[in-house]
Amino acid sequence: MFDVYRNDKRDLLVLSTGSAIPVLGSRHKWRRSRKRVCKVSDEIRSTVQRQGYYVRSLRVTEKGLI
């Protein structure tokens, strides 16, 4: 299983269940989502296994709004 966190900058952090939040370049507060995730994509799973976490920005660009 995986824990999913979000921060105020709309970034997504995925960790394996029970893992500590890594020290990343940003010092934003991470908030855990209410649901635990059982299934993730192969890309996310391999990244979590390789480096212990997966981070992605969920921000909408101006180009995406047009």
N, C-alpha and C. Protein backbone atom coordinates (compact mmCIF):
# COMPACT_ATOMS: atom_id res chain seq x y z
N MET A 1 0.84 -1.18 0.00
CA MET A 1 0.00 0.00 0.00
C MET A 1 0.88 1.25 0.00
N PHE A 2 0.26 2.36 -0.36
CA PHE A 2 0.99 3.62 -0.48
C PHE A 2 0.24 4.73 0.25
N ASP A 3 0.98 5.65 0.82
CA ASP A 3 0.41 6.86 1.42
C ASP A 3 0.62 8.00 0.43
N VAL A 4 -0.40 8.84 0.27
CA VAL A 4 -0.34 9.96 -0.66
C VAL A 4 -0.45 11.25 0.14
N TYR A 5 0.46 12.19 -0.12
CA TYR A 5 0.49 13.48 0.56
C TYR A 5 0.38 14.59 -0.47
N ARG A 6 -0.19 15.73 -0.06
CA ARG A 6 -0.24 16.94 -0.89
C ARG A 6 0.25 18.10 -0.06
N ASN A 7 0.71 19.16 -0.75
CA ASN A 7 1.11 20.36 -0.03
C ASN A 7 0.38 21.56 -0.63
N ASP A 8 0.65 22.75 -0.06
CA ASP A 8 -0.04 23.96 -0.50
C ASP A 8 0.38 24.41 -1.89
N LYS A 9 1.47 23.89 -2.41
CA LYS A 9 1.93 24.22 -3.77
C LYS A 9 1.36 23.25 -4.81
N ARG A 10 0.42 22.40 -4.38
CA ARG A 10 -0.23 21.40 -5.24
C ARG A 10 0.78 20.39 -5.79
N ASP A 11 1.69 19.96 -4.94
CA ASP A 11 2.61 18.89 -5.30
C ASP A 11 2.10 17.60 -4.68
N LEU A 12 2.38 16.49 -5.31
CA LEU A 12 1.95 15.18 -4.87
C LEU A 12 3.17 14.39 -4.44
N LEU A 13 3.09 13.73 -3.28
CA LEU A 13 4.17 12.90 -2.77
C LEU A 13 3.59 11.53 -2.47
N VAL A 14 4.19 10.48 -3.02
CA VAL A 14 3.74 9.11 -2.80
C VAL A 14 4.86 8.36 -2.09
N LEU A 15 4.51 7.70 -0.97
CA LEU A 15 5.45 6.91 -0.19
C LEU A 15 4.86 5.54 0.06
N SER A 16 5.71 4.55 0.31
CA SER A 16 5.17 3.27 0.74
C SER A 16 4.66 3.44 2.17
N THR A 17 3.64 2.70 2.54
CA THR A 17 2.99 2.84 3.83
C THR A 17 4.00 2.69 4.97
N GLY A 18 3.95 3.63 5.91
CA GLY A 18 4.82 3.59 7.07
C GLY A 18 6.16 4.27 6.88
N SER A 19 6.47 4.74 5.70
CA SER A 19 7.74 5.42 5.45
C SER A 19 7.70 6.85 5.97
N ALA A 20 8.85 7.35 6.39
CA ALA A 20 8.95 8.74 6.85
C ALA A 20 9.02 9.66 5.64
N ILE A 21 8.52 10.89 5.80
CA ILE A 21 8.57 11.87 4.73
C ILE A 21 10.03 12.31 4.54
N PRO A 22 10.56 12.19 3.31
CA PRO A 22 11.96 12.55 3.07
C PRO A 22 12.15 14.06 3.13
N VAL A 23 13.38 14.46 3.40
CA VAL A 23 13.72 15.88 3.38
C VAL A 23 13.95 16.26 1.93
N LEU A 24 13.05 17.06 1.39
CA LEU A 24 13.16 17.49 0.00
C LEU A 24 13.57 18.94 -0.05
N GLY A 25 13.85 19.45 -1.23
CA GLY A 25 14.27 20.84 -1.38
C GLY A 25 13.27 21.83 -0.85
N SER A 26 11.98 21.51 -0.94
CA SER A 26 10.96 22.42 -0.44
C SER A 26 10.66 22.11 1.02
N ARG A 27 10.30 23.13 1.75
CA ARG A 27 9.95 22.94 3.16
C ARG A 27 8.47 23.16 3.39
N HIS A 28 7.66 22.78 2.42
CA HIS A 28 6.22 22.95 2.53
C HIS A 28 5.64 21.86 3.42
N LYS A 29 4.55 22.16 4.05
CA LYS A 29 3.88 21.17 4.88
C LYS A 29 3.17 20.16 3.99
N TRP A 30 3.39 18.91 4.26
CA TRP A 30 2.72 17.84 3.53
C TRP A 30 1.53 17.38 4.35
N ARG A 31 0.38 17.22 3.71
CA ARG A 31 -0.83 16.72 4.36
C ARG A 31 -1.21 15.40 3.72
N ARG A 32 -1.45 14.41 4.56
CA ARG A 32 -1.80 13.09 4.03
C ARG A 32 -3.25 13.10 3.57
N SER A 33 -3.48 12.47 2.42
CA SER A 33 -4.85 12.33 1.94
C SER A 33 -5.56 11.32 2.84
N ARG A 34 -6.86 11.35 2.84
CA ARG A 34 -7.63 10.49 3.74
C ARG A 34 -7.60 9.03 3.34
N LYS A 35 -7.41 8.77 2.07
CA LYS A 35 -7.43 7.39 1.59
C LYS A 35 -6.03 6.88 1.34
N ARG A 36 -5.83 5.61 1.63
CA ARG A 36 -4.58 4.96 1.24
C ARG A 36 -4.79 4.34 -0.12
N VAL A 37 -3.75 4.30 -0.89
CA VAL A 37 -3.84 3.80 -2.25
C VAL A 37 -3.22 2.40 -2.29
N CYS A 38 -3.94 1.47 -2.87
CA CYS A 38 -3.45 0.09 -3.00
C CYS A 38 -2.71 -0.12 -4.31
N LYS A 39 -3.17 0.57 -5.35
CA LYS A 39 -2.64 0.32 -6.69
C LYS A 39 -2.17 1.64 -7.30
N VAL A 40 -0.95 1.65 -7.81
CA VAL A 40 -0.40 2.82 -8.50
C VAL A 40 0.18 2.35 -9.84
N SER A 41 0.52 3.31 -10.67
CA SER A 41 1.10 2.96 -11.98
C SER A 41 2.47 2.33 -11.81
N ASP A 42 2.92 1.65 -12.84
CA ASP A 42 4.24 1.01 -12.81
C ASP A 42 5.34 2.03 -12.65
N GLU A 43 5.18 3.21 -13.26
CA GLU A 43 6.19 4.28 -13.14
C GLU A 43 6.34 4.71 -11.68
N ILE A 44 5.21 4.94 -11.00
CA ILE A 44 5.26 5.38 -9.60
C ILE A 44 5.83 4.27 -8.72
N ARG A 45 5.37 3.04 -8.93
CA ARG A 45 5.85 1.91 -8.12
C ARG A 45 7.36 1.73 -8.24
N SER A 46 7.89 1.79 -9.47
CA SER A 46 9.33 1.60 -9.66
C SER A 46 10.13 2.76 -9.06
N THR A 47 9.60 3.98 -9.16
CA THR A 47 10.29 5.13 -8.59
C THR A 47 10.32 5.05 -7.07
N VAL A 48 9.22 4.65 -6.45
CA VAL A 48 9.17 4.50 -4.98
C VAL A 48 10.13 3.41 -4.54
N GLN A 49 10.21 2.30 -5.27
CA GLN A 49 11.13 1.23 -4.92
C GLN A 49 12.58 1.67 -5.07
N ARG A 50 12.86 2.47 -6.11
CA ARG A 50 14.23 2.89 -6.41
C ARG A 50 14.73 3.97 -5.45
N GLN A 51 13.94 5.05 -5.25
CA GLN A 51 14.44 6.16 -4.44
C GLN A 51 13.65 6.40 -3.16
N GLY A 52 12.60 5.62 -2.91
CA GLY A 52 11.86 5.70 -1.65
C GLY A 52 10.66 6.63 -1.67
N TYR A 53 10.52 7.43 -2.70
CA TYR A 53 9.38 8.35 -2.81
C TYR A 53 9.18 8.74 -4.27
N TYR A 54 8.01 9.32 -4.55
CA TYR A 54 7.69 9.83 -5.88
C TYR A 54 7.05 11.19 -5.70
N VAL A 55 7.55 12.22 -6.38
CA VAL A 55 7.01 13.58 -6.28
C VAL A 55 6.60 14.06 -7.66
N ARG A 56 5.44 14.68 -7.73
CA ARG A 56 4.98 15.24 -9.00
C ARG A 56 4.19 16.51 -8.72
N SER A 57 4.30 17.47 -9.60
CA SER A 57 3.57 18.72 -9.48
C SER A 57 2.19 18.55 -10.11
N LEU A 58 1.16 19.04 -9.42
CA LEU A 58 -0.20 18.98 -9.94
C LEU A 58 -0.68 20.34 -10.41
N ARG A 59 0.25 21.28 -10.52
CA ARG A 59 -0.11 22.64 -10.93
C ARG A 59 -0.62 22.68 -12.36
N VAL A 60 -1.59 23.56 -12.60
CA VAL A 60 -2.14 23.75 -13.93
C VAL A 60 -1.38 24.90 -14.58
N THR A 61 -0.88 24.67 -15.78
CA THR A 61 -0.17 25.74 -16.49
C THR A 61 -1.18 26.59 -17.26
N GLU A 62 -0.76 27.77 -17.62
CA GLU A 62 -1.63 28.65 -18.39
C GLU A 62 -1.97 28.03 -19.73
N LYS A 63 -1.04 27.31 -20.32
CA LYS A 63 -1.26 26.66 -21.59
C LYS A 63 -2.40 25.63 -21.49
N GLY A 64 -2.48 24.97 -20.34
CA GLY A 64 -3.51 23.95 -20.14
C GLY A 64 -4.90 24.53 -20.00
N LEU A 65 -5.01 25.82 -19.70
CA LEU A 65 -6.31 26.45 -19.51
C LEU A 65 -6.96 26.88 -20.82
N ILE A 66 -6.18 26.99 -21.87
CA ILE A 66 -6.71 27.48 -23.15
C ILE A 66 -7.44 26.39 -23.89
